[in-house]
C-alpha cells in the first residue's frame, strides 16, 4: 500500500504529495465536469452564440462527460490510486501505457489544449464570460495534474 509519512492530516502546513493532488483533481472534477456539461449545454442551445463557439462547447461537453467515467473507473478508489502510484501493471492504464507519469502529464496536456482553445475563443468572443471561466478552470486542472505527477515513476 502507498503511504505518506507523516500523513497530511497529521501536519498543519506541508506540501502535499502527488497522490494528494490526484485525489484533489478527481474530487474537484466531478463538480467541475457536471457544471461544465450543464453550462456547455446552455451555450450550445443559445441561438445567439456563434457556431464555432458551439462546436468547441459540443466537444468539451462530450469529453467532460467521458472524463467523469475516466476518473471513476481509474482513479476514484484508494486501491486504484495505490496501484497507480506504485506503478503496478495490475492497474490497466499502466499495463497498456507503461508509464503513470506519462499518463498523468498527458491528462494535464488535455486540459492545456482546452485552456488554449477557450482563451482563443475568448479573445475572439469576449462578450461571453463563461468562455473565460472555462479557460481558467482548465488551467487550474492542468496545474493540479502536474503537481500530481511529482511522485510518479520516472520514465
Protein backbone atom coordinates (compact mmCIF):
# COMPACT_ATOMS: atom_id res chain seq x y z
CA UNK A 1 0.00 0.00 0.00
CA UNK A 2 1.08 3.54 -0.77
CA UNK A 3 1.65 5.61 2.35
CA UNK A 4 2.98 9.04 3.07
CA UNK A 5 4.85 9.87 6.21
CA UNK A 6 3.72 11.83 8.09
CA UNK A 7 0.13 11.68 6.93
CA UNK A 8 -1.20 15.00 5.67
CA UNK A 9 -3.86 15.12 8.35
CA UNK A 10 -1.11 14.98 10.99
CA UNK A 11 0.54 18.22 9.86
CA UNK A 12 -0.75 21.75 9.79
CA UNK A 13 1.31 23.13 6.95
CA UNK A 14 3.24 20.98 4.49
CA UNK A 15 3.50 20.45 0.76
CA UNK A 16 1.12 17.62 -0.15
CA UNK A 17 2.41 14.70 -2.19
CA UNK A 18 1.43 13.93 -5.77
CA UNK A 19 -1.22 11.44 -4.73
CA UNK A 20 -2.97 14.21 -2.77
CA UNK A 21 -3.15 16.35 -5.90
CA UNK A 22 -4.51 13.44 -7.93
CA UNK A 23 -7.25 12.84 -5.37
CA UNK A 24 -7.93 16.58 -5.38
CA UNK A 25 -8.26 16.68 -9.17
CA UNK A 26 -10.64 13.73 -9.08
CA UNK A 27 -12.76 15.29 -6.34
CA UNK A 28 -12.99 18.81 -7.81
CA UNK A 29 -13.56 17.49 -11.28
CA UNK A 30 -16.80 15.70 -10.51
CA UNK A 31 -18.39 19.03 -9.63
CA UNK A 32 -16.42 20.86 -12.30
CA UNK A 33 -17.32 18.42 -15.03
CA UNK A 34 -21.01 18.39 -14.10
CA UNK A 35 -21.07 22.19 -14.10
CA UNK A 36 -19.25 22.50 -17.43
CA UNK A 37 -21.52 19.91 -19.05
CA UNK A 38 -24.67 21.71 -17.88
CA UNK A 39 -23.32 25.15 -18.76
CA UNK A 40 -22.00 23.78 -22.06
CA UNK A 41 -25.49 22.58 -22.96
CA UNK A 42 -26.83 26.08 -22.21
CA UNK A 43 -24.22 27.65 -24.51
CA UNK A 44 -24.93 25.11 -27.26
CA UNK A 45 -28.69 25.79 -27.02
CA UNK A 46 -28.30 29.59 -27.13
CA UNK A 47 -29.39 30.82 -30.56
CA UNK A 48 -27.23 33.96 -30.28
CA UNK A 49 -23.89 32.13 -29.93
CA UNK A 50 -21.58 31.76 -32.94
CA UNK A 51 -21.37 28.27 -34.42
CA UNK A 52 -17.57 27.96 -33.91
CA UNK A 53 -18.09 28.59 -30.20
CA UNK A 54 -20.84 25.97 -30.12
CA UNK A 55 -18.58 23.40 -31.82
CA UNK A 56 -15.92 23.76 -29.12
CA UNK A 57 -18.57 23.52 -26.41
CA UNK A 58 -20.08 20.40 -28.01
CA UNK A 59 -16.71 18.64 -27.98
CA UNK A 60 -15.91 19.87 -24.50
CA UNK A 61 -19.28 18.72 -23.17
CA UNK A 62 -18.76 15.25 -24.66
CA UNK A 63 -15.19 14.98 -23.32
CA UNK A 64 -16.18 16.20 -19.85
CA UNK A 65 -18.93 13.59 -19.71
CA UNK A 66 -16.49 10.86 -20.73
CA UNK A 67 -13.97 12.26 -18.24
CA UNK A 68 -16.34 11.60 -15.36
CA UNK A 69 -16.29 7.93 -16.30
CA UNK A 70 -12.47 8.02 -16.66
CA UNK A 71 -11.98 9.34 -13.13
CA UNK A 72 -14.48 6.91 -11.63
CA UNK A 73 -13.02 3.94 -13.46
CA UNK A 74 -9.30 4.55 -12.99
CA UNK A 75 -8.64 7.00 -10.13
CA UNK A 76 -11.51 7.08 -7.65
CA UNK A 77 -10.79 4.12 -5.37
CA UNK A 78 -7.88 4.31 -2.94
CA UNK A 79 -6.67 0.87 -4.05
CA UNK A 80 -6.61 2.04 -7.67
CA UNK A 81 -4.56 5.09 -6.71
CA UNK A 82 -2.24 2.88 -4.65
CA UNK A 83 -1.60 0.68 -7.68
CA UNK A 84 -1.29 3.70 -9.96
CA UNK A 85 1.29 5.42 -7.74
CA UNK A 86 3.15 2.16 -7.17
CA UNK A 87 3.33 1.86 -10.99
CA UNK A 88 1.88 -1.65 -10.77
CA UNK A 89 0.93 -3.31 -14.02
CA UNK A 90 -2.27 -4.55 -12.37
CA UNK A 91 -3.59 -1.02 -12.98
CA UNK A 92 -4.90 -1.24 -16.53
CA UNK A 93 -3.61 2.19 -17.59
CA UNK A 94 -0.08 1.23 -16.64
CA UNK A 95 -0.43 -2.23 -18.14
CA UNK A 96 -1.09 -0.75 -21.58
CA UNK A 97 0.71 2.59 -21.39
CA UNK A 98 3.78 1.61 -19.31
CA UNK A 99 4.15 4.98 -17.59
CA UNK A 100 1.96 6.54 -14.93
CA UNK A 101 3.88 9.80 -15.24
CA UNK A 102 3.23 9.98 -18.99
CA UNK A 103 -0.48 9.24 -18.48
CA UNK A 104 -0.81 11.97 -15.86
CA UNK A 105 1.09 14.55 -17.90
CA UNK A 106 -0.99 13.68 -20.97
CA UNK A 107 -4.11 14.28 -18.86
CA UNK A 108 -2.64 17.68 -17.93
CA UNK A 109 -1.98 18.35 -21.63
CA UNK A 110 -5.64 17.60 -22.36
CA UNK A 111 -6.61 20.46 -20.04
CA UNK A 112 -3.94 22.75 -21.51
CA UNK A 113 -5.33 22.18 -25.02
CA UNK A 114 -8.83 23.12 -23.91
CA UNK A 115 -7.49 26.11 -21.95
CA UNK A 116 -5.79 27.38 -25.10
CA UNK A 117 -8.97 26.81 -27.13
CA UNK A 118 -11.09 28.70 -24.61
CA UNK A 119 -8.58 31.57 -24.29
CA UNK A 120 -8.54 31.82 -28.10
CA UNK A 121 -12.34 31.81 -28.21
CA UNK A 122 -12.45 34.46 -25.51
CA UNK A 123 -10.06 36.69 -27.45
CA UNK A 124 -12.43 36.47 -30.41
CA UNK A 125 -15.71 36.48 -28.48
CA UNK A 126 -15.00 38.36 -25.24
CA UNK A 127 -18.62 39.19 -24.56
CA UNK A 128 -19.25 35.66 -23.26
CA UNK A 129 -17.64 35.44 -19.77
CA UNK A 130 -18.30 31.70 -19.43
CA UNK A 131 -15.56 31.13 -22.02
CA UNK A 132 -13.02 32.82 -19.77
CA UNK A 133 -14.14 30.85 -16.72
CA UNK A 134 -13.79 27.58 -18.68
CA UNK A 135 -10.28 28.61 -19.77
CA UNK A 136 -9.21 29.37 -16.20
CA UNK A 137 -10.81 26.14 -14.94
CA UNK A 138 -8.77 24.12 -17.43
CA UNK A 139 -5.55 25.87 -16.40
CA UNK A 140 -6.31 25.03 -12.75
CA UNK A 141 -6.91 21.35 -13.55
CA UNK A 142 -3.69 21.17 -15.59
CA UNK A 143 -1.63 22.70 -12.77
CA UNK A 144 -3.04 20.21 -10.27
CA UNK A 145 -2.27 17.28 -12.58
CA UNK A 146 1.30 18.49 -13.00
CA UNK A 147 1.61 18.50 -9.20
CA UNK A 148 0.00 15.04 -9.18
CA UNK A 149 2.83 13.75 -11.37
CA UNK A 150 5.57 14.65 -8.82
CA UNK A 151 5.76 11.29 -7.04
CA UNK A 152 5.22 9.08 -10.06
CA UNK A 153 7.70 6.65 -11.57
CA UNK A 154 10.45 8.12 -13.68
CA UNK A 155 10.20 7.47 -17.40
